[in-house]
C-alpha atoms as a PDB file:
ATOM      1  CA  MET A   1      -1.111   0.867 -14.698  1.00  0.00           C
ATOM      2  CA  THR A   2      -0.677  -1.180 -12.189  1.00  0.00           C
ATOM      3  CA  ILE A   3       0.816  -0.397  -8.599  1.00  0.00           C
ATOM      4  CA  LEU A   4       3.902  -1.464  -9.353  1.00  0.00           C
ATOM      5  CA  GLU A   5       4.173   0.240 -12.172  1.00  0.00           C
ATOM      6  CA  ALA A   6       3.109   3.569 -10.928  1.00  0.00           C
ATOM      7  CA  LEU A   7       5.626   3.407  -7.853  1.00  0.00           C
ATOM      8  CA  SER A   8       8.109   3.007 -10.481  1.00  0.00           C
ATOM      9  CA  VAL A   9       7.000   6.016 -12.160  1.00  0.00           C
ATOM     10  CA  VAL A  10       7.144   8.085  -9.209  1.00  0.00           C
ATOM     11  CA  SER A  11      10.590   6.640  -7.932  1.00  0.00           C
ATOM     12  CA  ASN A  12      10.431   8.606  -4.635  1.00  0.00           C
ATOM     13  CA  ARG A  13      11.030   6.288  -1.862  1.00  0.00           C
ATOM     14  CA  PRO A  14       9.833   8.125   0.910  1.00  0.00           C
ATOM     15  CA  LEU A  15       5.985   8.176  -0.970  1.00  0.00           C
ATOM     16  CA  VAL A  16       6.772   4.601  -2.142  1.00  0.00           C
ATOM     17  CA  LEU A  17       7.309   3.407   1.848  1.00  0.00           C
ATOM     18  CA  ALA A  18       4.151   5.465   2.884  1.00  0.00           C
ATOM     19  CA  GLY A  19       2.276   3.648   0.299  1.00  0.00           C
ATOM     20  CA  LEU A  20       3.088   0.297   0.891  1.00  0.00           C
ATOM     21  CA  VAL A  21       1.979   0.915   4.618  1.00  0.00           C
ATOM     22  CA  ALA A  22      -0.935   2.312   3.918  1.00  0.00           C
ATOM     23  CA  VAL A  23      -1.342  -0.765   1.589  1.00  0.00           C
ATOM     24  CA  ASP A  24      -0.393  -2.837   4.776  1.00  0.00           C
ATOM     25  CA  TYR A  25      -2.563  -1.235   7.055  1.00  0.00           C
ATOM     26  CA  VAL A  26      -5.745  -1.161   4.663  1.00  0.00           C
ATOM     27  CA  THR A  27      -5.340  -4.847   4.183  1.00  0.00           C
ATOM     28  CA  LEU A  28      -4.891  -5.580   8.123  1.00  0.00           C
ATOM     29  CA  ALA A  29      -7.858  -3.746   9.084  1.00  0.00           C
ATOM     30  CA  THR A  30      -9.894  -5.674   6.263  1.00  0.00           C
ATOM     31  CA  LEU A  31      -8.895  -9.062   7.919  1.00  0.00           C
ATOM     32  CA  SER A  32      -9.764  -7.551  11.422  1.00  0.00           C
ATOM     33  CA  GLU A  33     -12.906  -6.641  10.117  1.00  0.00           C
ATOM     34  CA  GLY A  34     -13.733 -10.048   8.457  1.00  0.00           C
ATOM     35  CA  ARG A  35     -12.586 -11.841  11.915  1.00  0.00           C
ATOM     36  CA  SER A  36     -14.693  -9.643  14.248  1.00  0.00           C
END
């Protein structure tokens, strides 16, 4: 199951938004560590 499928099954907007924010945060943190 992909992340998008999981989000569709959950269909809970606050949780979906929180998940997207978490993914963005992790991505930015990873990129920052790679640059430093």
